[in-house]
């Protein structure tokens, strides 16, 4: 007789509110239903009530760990409508903060993974290392979580030589930490290998992105596939693993950390002089998109402007929104005890993922409606 195990919407296993209805038979998962919508904040609609410049700050509040990714993708989308490219030094600073964001996101992910598999010592080591990184981010941006360094036309703050020197010194300290992470992956490999399988063909069919896609052996990274900012000027390896399991997804992130450190060194060494912001002119009429490789994968922003200071439409497609479709594929046939590390390997962001679900109180029927239907106030 199948059993139903409900996890969430508030549960120690899930960091953010989401509901997993897991169907189990003989100790193995046969299917899973994922219910979301608990933290929908309507940011796309809110962005229409703020000016184009104010929306930079709203975009980065979609996600705390991908703050720079969201504001950068938004700025690129809007600047593409203007037909404008930020000054070279501004693009270097944007890229520097972006890669610092990637580094601190990966360290945070490893801290959560170590916590999940009860490696308390390495959990604390990863968190302490991330804390030092946050201090550098604060010195550059003035903030630790929502960085607020981007602006339409460039960046709001310059980076001093002293801060760049401190950054290089910190990167030297991370060599020992990176060795510790690789050692930990070897030690914990028996727990992580062979579970949460997402074959290469399934990864492509589900259109997953980021470390999940690269962990299934597909070489895809927007920094290489569609270069933006200054990634064309940087030398880095596109990391892939062929294991298609939790271990492979972990190793993608572990191997990306040294590459990110190398990118940061190149940025400091080649930082150009010049202005950090330029006037983009009056808002035009048009539509464009901007896409970046966030720590979790491809992030896309669409912007439509109507010649006023307020956007007509902003649409975003974050990586977690597309990656969640592959979760049932990874979980079917797995033992229940493998559920926590498999979910952790996805690096889920629920604030990025949530969309509105309508529930009829009388019948309990769940439905999704179009914007036109909402506009007609169909519920009356």
Protein backbone atom coordinates (compact mmCIF):
# COMPACT_ATOMS: atom_id res chain seq x y z
CA UNK A 1 0.00 0.00 0.00
CA UNK A 2 1.61 3.31 -1.06
CA UNK A 3 2.20 5.93 1.62
CA UNK A 4 2.21 9.71 1.22
CA UNK A 5 4.93 11.68 2.99
CA UNK A 6 4.34 15.43 3.14
CA UNK A 7 7.35 17.68 3.71
CA UNK A 8 6.60 21.36 4.20
CA UNK A 9 5.61 24.01 3.60
CA UNK A 10 7.60 24.68 6.79
CA UNK A 11 10.02 21.91 7.64
CA UNK A 12 13.67 21.64 8.79
CA UNK A 13 14.53 19.89 5.52
CA UNK A 14 13.43 22.81 3.34
CA UNK A 15 15.05 26.16 4.04
CA UNK A 16 12.29 28.10 2.33
CA UNK A 17 8.54 27.38 2.31
CA UNK A 18 7.58 24.72 -0.22
CA UNK A 19 5.55 21.53 -0.06
CA UNK A 20 6.75 18.13 -1.29
CA UNK A 21 4.10 15.41 -1.41
CA UNK A 22 6.22 12.29 -1.76
CA UNK A 23 4.59 8.96 -2.62
CA UNK A 24 6.48 6.00 -1.11
CA UNK A 25 6.14 2.23 -1.56
CA UNK A 26 8.45 -0.30 0.08
CA UNK A 27 10.75 2.48 1.20
CA UNK A 28 11.24 3.87 -2.30
CA UNK A 29 9.88 7.04 -3.90
CA UNK A 30 7.41 6.35 -6.71
CA UNK A 31 6.40 9.94 -7.45
CA UNK A 32 6.50 13.45 -6.03
CA UNK A 33 4.20 16.45 -6.30
CA UNK A 34 5.77 19.86 -5.65
CA UNK A 35 3.46 22.62 -4.48
CA UNK A 36 4.72 26.18 -4.46
CA UNK A 37 3.29 29.66 -4.11
CA UNK A 38 3.82 30.40 -0.43
CA UNK A 39 6.21 33.35 -0.85
CA UNK A 40 5.01 34.92 -4.09
CA UNK A 41 5.74 38.65 -3.78
CA UNK A 42 4.57 40.02 -7.10
CA UNK A 43 7.91 41.66 -7.92
CA UNK A 44 7.26 41.78 -11.68
CA UNK A 45 4.12 43.86 -11.04
CA UNK A 46 5.84 46.01 -8.42
CA UNK A 47 8.55 46.86 -10.96
CA UNK A 48 5.94 48.56 -13.13
CA UNK A 49 5.19 50.99 -10.30
CA UNK A 50 8.83 52.10 -9.91
CA UNK A 51 11.09 53.99 -12.27
CA UNK A 52 13.59 52.26 -14.52
CA UNK A 53 16.43 53.32 -12.21
CA UNK A 54 14.61 52.33 -9.01
CA UNK A 55 13.93 48.85 -10.38
CA UNK A 56 17.63 48.03 -10.17
CA UNK A 57 17.26 47.81 -6.39
CA UNK A 58 14.00 45.87 -6.63
CA UNK A 59 15.46 43.31 -9.07
CA UNK A 60 18.30 42.38 -6.74
CA UNK A 61 15.80 41.71 -3.95
CA UNK A 62 14.39 38.74 -5.82
CA UNK A 63 17.18 36.64 -4.28
CA UNK A 64 19.73 37.28 -1.54
CA UNK A 65 22.35 34.82 -2.84
CA UNK A 66 22.06 35.97 -6.47
CA UNK A 67 21.69 39.69 -5.80
CA UNK A 68 24.27 40.81 -8.36
CA UNK A 69 23.03 38.36 -10.98
CA UNK A 70 19.49 39.75 -10.91
CA UNK A 71 20.46 43.41 -10.99
CA UNK A 72 23.02 42.79 -13.75
CA UNK A 73 20.56 40.89 -15.96
CA UNK A 74 18.00 43.67 -15.45
CA UNK A 75 20.53 46.41 -16.25
CA UNK A 76 21.67 44.60 -19.40
CA UNK A 77 18.07 44.18 -20.60
CA UNK A 78 17.27 47.87 -20.08
CA UNK A 79 20.60 49.09 -21.48
CA UNK A 80 20.05 46.92 -24.57
CA UNK A 81 16.79 48.82 -25.17
CA UNK A 82 18.75 52.07 -24.90
CA UNK A 83 21.39 50.66 -27.25
CA UNK A 84 23.95 51.50 -24.58
CA UNK A 85 26.98 49.70 -23.19
CA UNK A 86 28.47 50.60 -19.81
CA UNK A 87 32.03 52.02 -19.67
CA UNK A 88 34.84 49.42 -19.58
CA UNK A 89 35.77 50.03 -15.93
CA UNK A 90 32.12 49.75 -14.92
CA UNK A 91 31.85 46.41 -16.70
CA UNK A 92 34.98 45.16 -14.94
CA UNK A 93 33.55 46.17 -11.55
CA UNK A 94 30.22 44.54 -12.40
CA UNK A 95 32.04 41.33 -13.32
CA UNK A 96 34.17 41.46 -10.17
CA UNK A 97 31.12 41.71 -7.92
CA UNK A 98 29.34 39.07 -10.00
CA UNK A 99 32.13 36.54 -9.47
CA UNK A 100 32.36 37.42 -5.77
CA UNK A 101 28.62 36.70 -5.66
CA UNK A 102 29.23 33.33 -7.36
CA UNK A 103 32.02 32.50 -4.92
CA UNK A 104 30.00 33.34 -1.82
CA UNK A 105 26.99 31.45 -3.22
CA UNK A 106 29.06 28.31 -3.82
CA UNK A 107 30.62 28.47 -0.35
CA UNK A 108 27.16 28.86 1.16
CA UNK A 109 25.95 25.87 -0.84
CA UNK A 110 28.80 23.70 0.45
CA UNK A 111 28.09 24.85 4.02
CA UNK A 112 24.46 23.71 3.62
CA UNK A 113 25.55 20.42 2.03
CA UNK A 114 27.96 19.69 4.91
CA UNK A 115 25.19 20.52 7.36
CA UNK A 116 22.86 18.13 5.51
CA UNK A 117 25.31 15.23 5.74
CA UNK A 118 26.23 16.05 9.37
CA UNK A 119 29.79 17.24 8.71
CA UNK A 120 29.65 19.97 11.37
CA UNK A 121 33.36 20.82 11.27
CA UNK A 122 33.45 21.58 7.57
CA UNK A 123 30.07 23.32 7.84
CA UNK A 124 31.65 25.88 10.19
CA UNK A 125 34.82 26.15 8.08
CA UNK A 126 32.79 27.01 4.95
CA UNK A 127 30.64 29.56 6.80
CA UNK A 128 33.68 31.27 8.35
CA UNK A 129 35.33 31.51 4.94
CA UNK A 130 32.19 33.02 3.46
CA UNK A 131 32.10 35.59 6.28
CA UNK A 132 35.51 36.96 5.25
CA UNK A 133 34.26 37.16 1.68
CA UNK A 134 31.21 39.12 2.77
CA UNK A 135 33.52 41.65 4.44
CA UNK A 136 35.27 42.26 1.10
CA UNK A 137 31.91 42.56 -0.67
CA UNK A 138 30.85 45.14 1.92
CA UNK A 139 34.08 47.10 1.35
CA UNK A 140 33.38 47.18 -2.41
CA UNK A 141 29.61 47.67 -2.45
CA UNK A 142 28.77 49.14 0.94
CA UNK A 143 26.36 46.24 1.54
CA UNK A 144 26.68 42.56 2.38
CA UNK A 145 23.58 40.91 0.91
CA UNK A 146 21.76 43.19 -1.54
CA UNK A 147 24.84 44.80 -3.02
CA UNK A 148 23.27 47.85 -4.71
CA UNK A 149 26.40 48.52 -6.74
CA UNK A 150 24.80 48.38 -10.20
CA UNK A 151 23.08 51.34 -11.85
CA UNK A 152 21.60 51.97 -15.28
CA UNK A 153 24.64 53.16 -17.21
CA UNK A 154 27.33 51.60 -15.00
CA UNK A 155 28.01 51.22 -11.30
CA UNK A 156 27.47 53.44 -8.27
CA UNK A 157 30.83 52.93 -6.56
CA UNK A 158 34.46 52.64 -7.63
CA UNK A 159 36.92 50.09 -6.21
CA UNK A 160 40.06 51.40 -4.56
CA UNK A 161 43.54 49.82 -5.04
CA UNK A 162 43.62 49.03 -1.29
CA UNK A 163 40.43 46.97 -1.52
CA UNK A 164 41.70 45.10 -4.57
CA UNK A 165 44.92 44.31 -2.69
CA UNK A 166 42.89 42.97 0.25
CA UNK A 167 40.86 40.86 -2.17
CA UNK A 168 43.99 39.23 -3.62
CA UNK A 169 45.26 38.46 -0.12
CA UNK A 170 41.95 36.81 0.77
CA UNK A 171 41.98 34.72 -2.41
CA UNK A 172 45.40 33.37 -1.38
CA UNK A 173 43.88 32.18 1.90
CA UNK A 174 41.18 30.23 0.05
CA UNK A 175 43.65 27.77 -1.48
CA UNK A 176 43.65 25.70 1.72
CA UNK A 177 39.84 25.86 1.93
CA UNK A 178 39.48 24.65 -1.65
CA UNK A 179 41.75 21.68 -0.90
CA UNK A 180 39.55 20.90 2.11
CA UNK A 181 36.41 20.95 -0.04
CA UNK A 182 37.93 18.52 -2.57
CA UNK A 183 39.02 16.26 0.30
CA UNK A 184 35.49 16.39 1.75
CA UNK A 185 33.98 15.43 -1.61
CA UNK A 186 36.23 12.39 -1.71
CA UNK A 187 35.33 11.40 1.86
CA UNK A 188 31.59 11.81 1.33
CA UNK A 189 31.52 10.34 -2.17
CA UNK A 190 29.91 7.05 -1.00
CA UNK A 191 26.94 9.05 0.34
CA UNK A 192 26.52 11.21 -2.77
CA UNK A 193 27.41 8.99 -5.71
CA UNK A 194 24.75 7.14 -7.67
CA UNK A 195 21.77 9.05 -6.25
CA UNK A 196 19.57 11.72 -7.85
CA UNK A 197 20.46 10.56 -11.36
CA UNK A 198 19.59 12.97 -14.18
CA UNK A 199 20.93 11.48 -17.45
CA UNK A 200 22.32 13.79 -20.11
CA UNK A 201 19.35 13.31 -22.46
CA UNK A 202 16.88 13.97 -19.63
CA UNK A 203 18.79 17.08 -18.57
CA UNK A 204 18.48 18.46 -22.09
CA UNK A 205 14.81 17.42 -22.35
CA UNK A 206 13.92 19.19 -19.09
CA UNK A 207 16.04 22.22 -20.17
CA UNK A 208 17.78 22.43 -16.79
CA UNK A 209 20.56 24.99 -16.42
CA UNK A 210 23.69 25.75 -14.42
CA UNK A 211 25.58 23.21 -12.30
CA UNK A 212 22.73 20.70 -12.67
CA UNK A 213 23.09 20.73 -16.46
CA UNK A 214 26.90 20.70 -16.35
CA UNK A 215 26.77 17.88 -13.77
CA UNK A 216 24.98 15.83 -16.45
CA UNK A 217 27.85 16.34 -18.87
CA UNK A 218 26.42 19.21 -20.96
CA UNK A 219 28.92 22.03 -21.56
CA UNK A 220 26.68 25.09 -21.27
CA UNK A 221 27.55 28.38 -19.57
CA UNK A 222 26.15 31.75 -20.66
CA UNK A 223 29.49 33.38 -19.89
CA UNK A 224 30.91 31.34 -22.79
CA UNK A 225 27.80 30.76 -24.93
CA UNK A 226 26.65 34.41 -24.98
CA UNK A 227 29.51 36.56 -23.59
CA UNK A 228 28.51 39.69 -21.68
CA UNK A 229 30.25 42.18 -19.40
CA UNK A 230 33.99 41.37 -19.82
CA UNK A 231 33.87 37.56 -20.00
CA UNK A 232 35.22 37.70 -23.56
CA UNK A 233 38.48 39.08 -22.12
CA UNK A 234 38.83 36.40 -19.44
CA UNK A 235 40.37 32.95 -19.57
CA UNK A 236 38.47 30.24 -17.68
CA UNK A 237 37.53 26.58 -18.04
CA UNK A 238 33.92 25.52 -18.54
CA UNK A 239 33.45 22.83 -15.88
CA UNK A 240 31.44 19.65 -16.59
CA UNK A 241 31.07 16.27 -14.90
CA UNK A 242 29.66 13.06 -16.41
CA UNK A 243 28.33 11.38 -13.26
CA UNK A 244 24.80 12.86 -13.60
CA UNK A 245 24.33 12.43 -9.83
CA UNK A 246 24.61 14.45 -6.61
CA UNK A 247 28.37 13.87 -6.48
CA UNK A 248 28.77 15.21 -10.02
CA UNK A 249 26.75 18.34 -9.26
CA UNK A 250 28.86 18.86 -6.13
CA UNK A 251 32.10 18.47 -8.07
CA UNK A 252 30.98 21.01 -10.68
CA UNK A 253 30.68 23.63 -7.94
CA UNK A 254 33.91 22.49 -6.25
CA UNK A 255 35.86 22.82 -9.50
CA UNK A 256 34.19 26.13 -10.40
CA UNK A 257 35.53 27.76 -7.22
CA UNK A 258 39.21 27.81 -8.36
CA UNK A 259 38.06 29.05 -11.78
CA UNK A 260 36.16 31.90 -10.13
CA UNK A 261 39.22 32.79 -8.06
CA UNK A 262 41.29 32.84 -11.27
CA UNK A 263 38.72 35.13 -12.92
CA UNK A 264 38.87 37.54 -9.97
CA UNK A 265 42.67 37.68 -10.19
CA UNK A 266 42.47 38.47 -13.91
CA UNK A 267 39.97 41.25 -13.25
CA UNK A 268 42.19 42.89 -10.64
CA UNK A 269 45.27 42.61 -12.87
CA UNK A 270 43.52 44.07 -15.93
CA UNK A 271 41.20 46.64 -14.32
CA UNK A 272 41.12 49.64 -16.72
CA UNK A 273 41.00 53.28 -15.71
CA UNK A 274 38.12 55.56 -16.66
CA UNK A 275 34.61 56.54 -15.71
CA UNK A 276 32.31 54.13 -13.90
CA UNK A 277 28.98 55.48 -15.11
CA UNK A 278 27.61 57.34 -18.15
CA UNK A 279 24.29 58.98 -19.04
CA UNK A 280 22.07 56.67 -21.08
CA UNK A 281 19.81 59.43 -22.35
CA UNK A 282 16.01 59.64 -22.48
CA UNK A 283 13.99 56.39 -22.27
CA UNK A 284 13.23 54.99 -25.72
CA UNK A 285 10.44 52.75 -26.99
CA UNK A 286 11.45 49.13 -27.48
CA UNK A 287 12.00 45.74 -25.96
CA UNK A 288 15.10 43.68 -25.28
CA UNK A 289 16.42 40.97 -22.99
CA UNK A 290 19.51 40.40 -20.92
CA UNK A 291 20.84 37.05 -19.75
CA UNK A 292 23.65 36.05 -17.43
CA UNK A 293 25.09 32.92 -15.83
CA UNK A 294 23.94 33.23 -12.23
CA UNK A 295 25.45 30.87 -9.62
CA UNK A 296 22.44 28.56 -10.15
CA UNK A 297 22.43 28.86 -13.96
CA UNK A 298 21.01 30.94 -16.81
CA UNK A 299 18.99 33.94 -15.65
CA UNK A 300 16.96 35.95 -18.20
CA UNK A 301 15.31 39.37 -17.89
CA UNK A 302 12.98 40.87 -20.48
CA UNK A 303 12.25 44.60 -20.51
CA UNK A 304 9.73 46.56 -22.61
CA UNK A 305 9.93 50.35 -22.40
CA UNK A 306 7.35 52.83 -23.69
CA UNK A 307 9.32 56.08 -23.71
CA UNK A 308 8.53 57.00 -20.10
CA UNK A 309 10.54 56.56 -16.90
CA UNK A 310 8.36 53.59 -15.96
CA UNK A 311 8.74 50.22 -17.71
CA UNK A 312 5.72 48.81 -19.50
CA UNK A 313 6.66 45.17 -18.78
CA UNK A 314 9.42 43.35 -16.92
CA UNK A 315 9.60 39.56 -17.05
CA UNK A 316 12.23 37.34 -15.45
CA UNK A 317 13.03 33.66 -15.80
CA UNK A 318 15.31 32.50 -12.99
CA UNK A 319 17.20 29.19 -13.06
CA UNK A 320 15.32 27.53 -10.18
CA UNK A 321 12.06 27.99 -12.06
CA UNK A 322 13.18 25.68 -14.88
CA UNK A 323 15.29 23.30 -12.78
CA UNK A 324 12.36 22.30 -10.55
CA UNK A 325 10.72 20.41 -13.43
CA UNK A 326 13.46 17.77 -13.27
CA UNK A 327 13.04 17.04 -9.54
CA UNK A 328 10.52 14.16 -9.95
CA UNK A 329 12.87 12.52 -12.46
CA UNK A 330 15.72 12.62 -9.92
CA UNK A 331 13.60 11.28 -7.05
CA UNK A 332 11.62 8.42 -8.62
CA UNK A 333 13.02 5.07 -7.53
CA UNK A 334 15.22 6.57 -4.82
CA UNK A 335 15.23 5.52 -1.19
CA UNK A 336 13.47 8.01 1.06
CA UNK A 337 16.68 8.67 3.01
CA UNK A 338 18.31 9.99 -0.18
CA UNK A 339 15.74 12.77 -0.49
CA UNK A 340 17.64 15.43 1.57
CA UNK A 341 20.98 15.35 -0.33
CA UNK A 342 19.21 15.18 -3.70
CA UNK A 343 17.15 18.27 -2.93
CA UNK A 344 20.22 20.05 -1.56
CA UNK A 345 22.13 19.33 -4.78
CA UNK A 346 19.60 21.47 -6.67
CA UNK A 347 20.47 24.69 -4.78
CA UNK A 348 16.80 25.68 -4.86
CA UNK A 349 15.67 29.29 -4.54
CA UNK A 350 11.96 29.39 -3.76
CA UNK A 351 11.69 33.19 -3.89
CA UNK A 352 12.88 32.96 -7.51
CA UNK A 353 10.51 30.14 -8.33
CA UNK A 354 7.12 30.94 -6.85
CA UNK A 355 4.16 31.82 -9.05
CA UNK A 356 0.53 32.43 -8.10
CA UNK A 357 -1.78 29.45 -7.65
CA UNK A 358 -5.54 30.04 -7.31
CA UNK A 359 -7.46 27.75 -4.94
CA UNK A 360 -11.28 27.73 -4.92
CA UNK A 361 -12.30 27.66 -1.24
CA UNK A 362 -15.61 25.90 -1.98
CA UNK A 363 -14.39 23.09 -4.20
CA UNK A 364 -10.67 22.97 -3.40
CA UNK A 365 -9.94 23.11 -7.13
CA UNK A 366 -6.46 24.41 -7.99
CA UNK A 367 -6.03 26.45 -11.16
CA UNK A 368 -3.78 28.90 -12.89
CA UNK A 369 -5.17 31.85 -14.83
CA UNK A 370 -3.93 34.25 -17.46
CA UNK A 371 -3.35 37.96 -16.90
CA UNK A 372 -6.39 38.68 -19.08
CA UNK A 373 -8.59 36.52 -16.86
CA UNK A 374 -7.27 38.21 -13.76
CA UNK A 375 -7.99 41.56 -15.37
CA UNK A 376 -11.62 40.54 -15.86
CA UNK A 377 -11.83 39.69 -12.13
CA UNK A 378 -12.97 36.18 -12.99
CA UNK A 379 -13.43 35.20 -9.35
CA UNK A 380 -16.46 37.47 -8.93
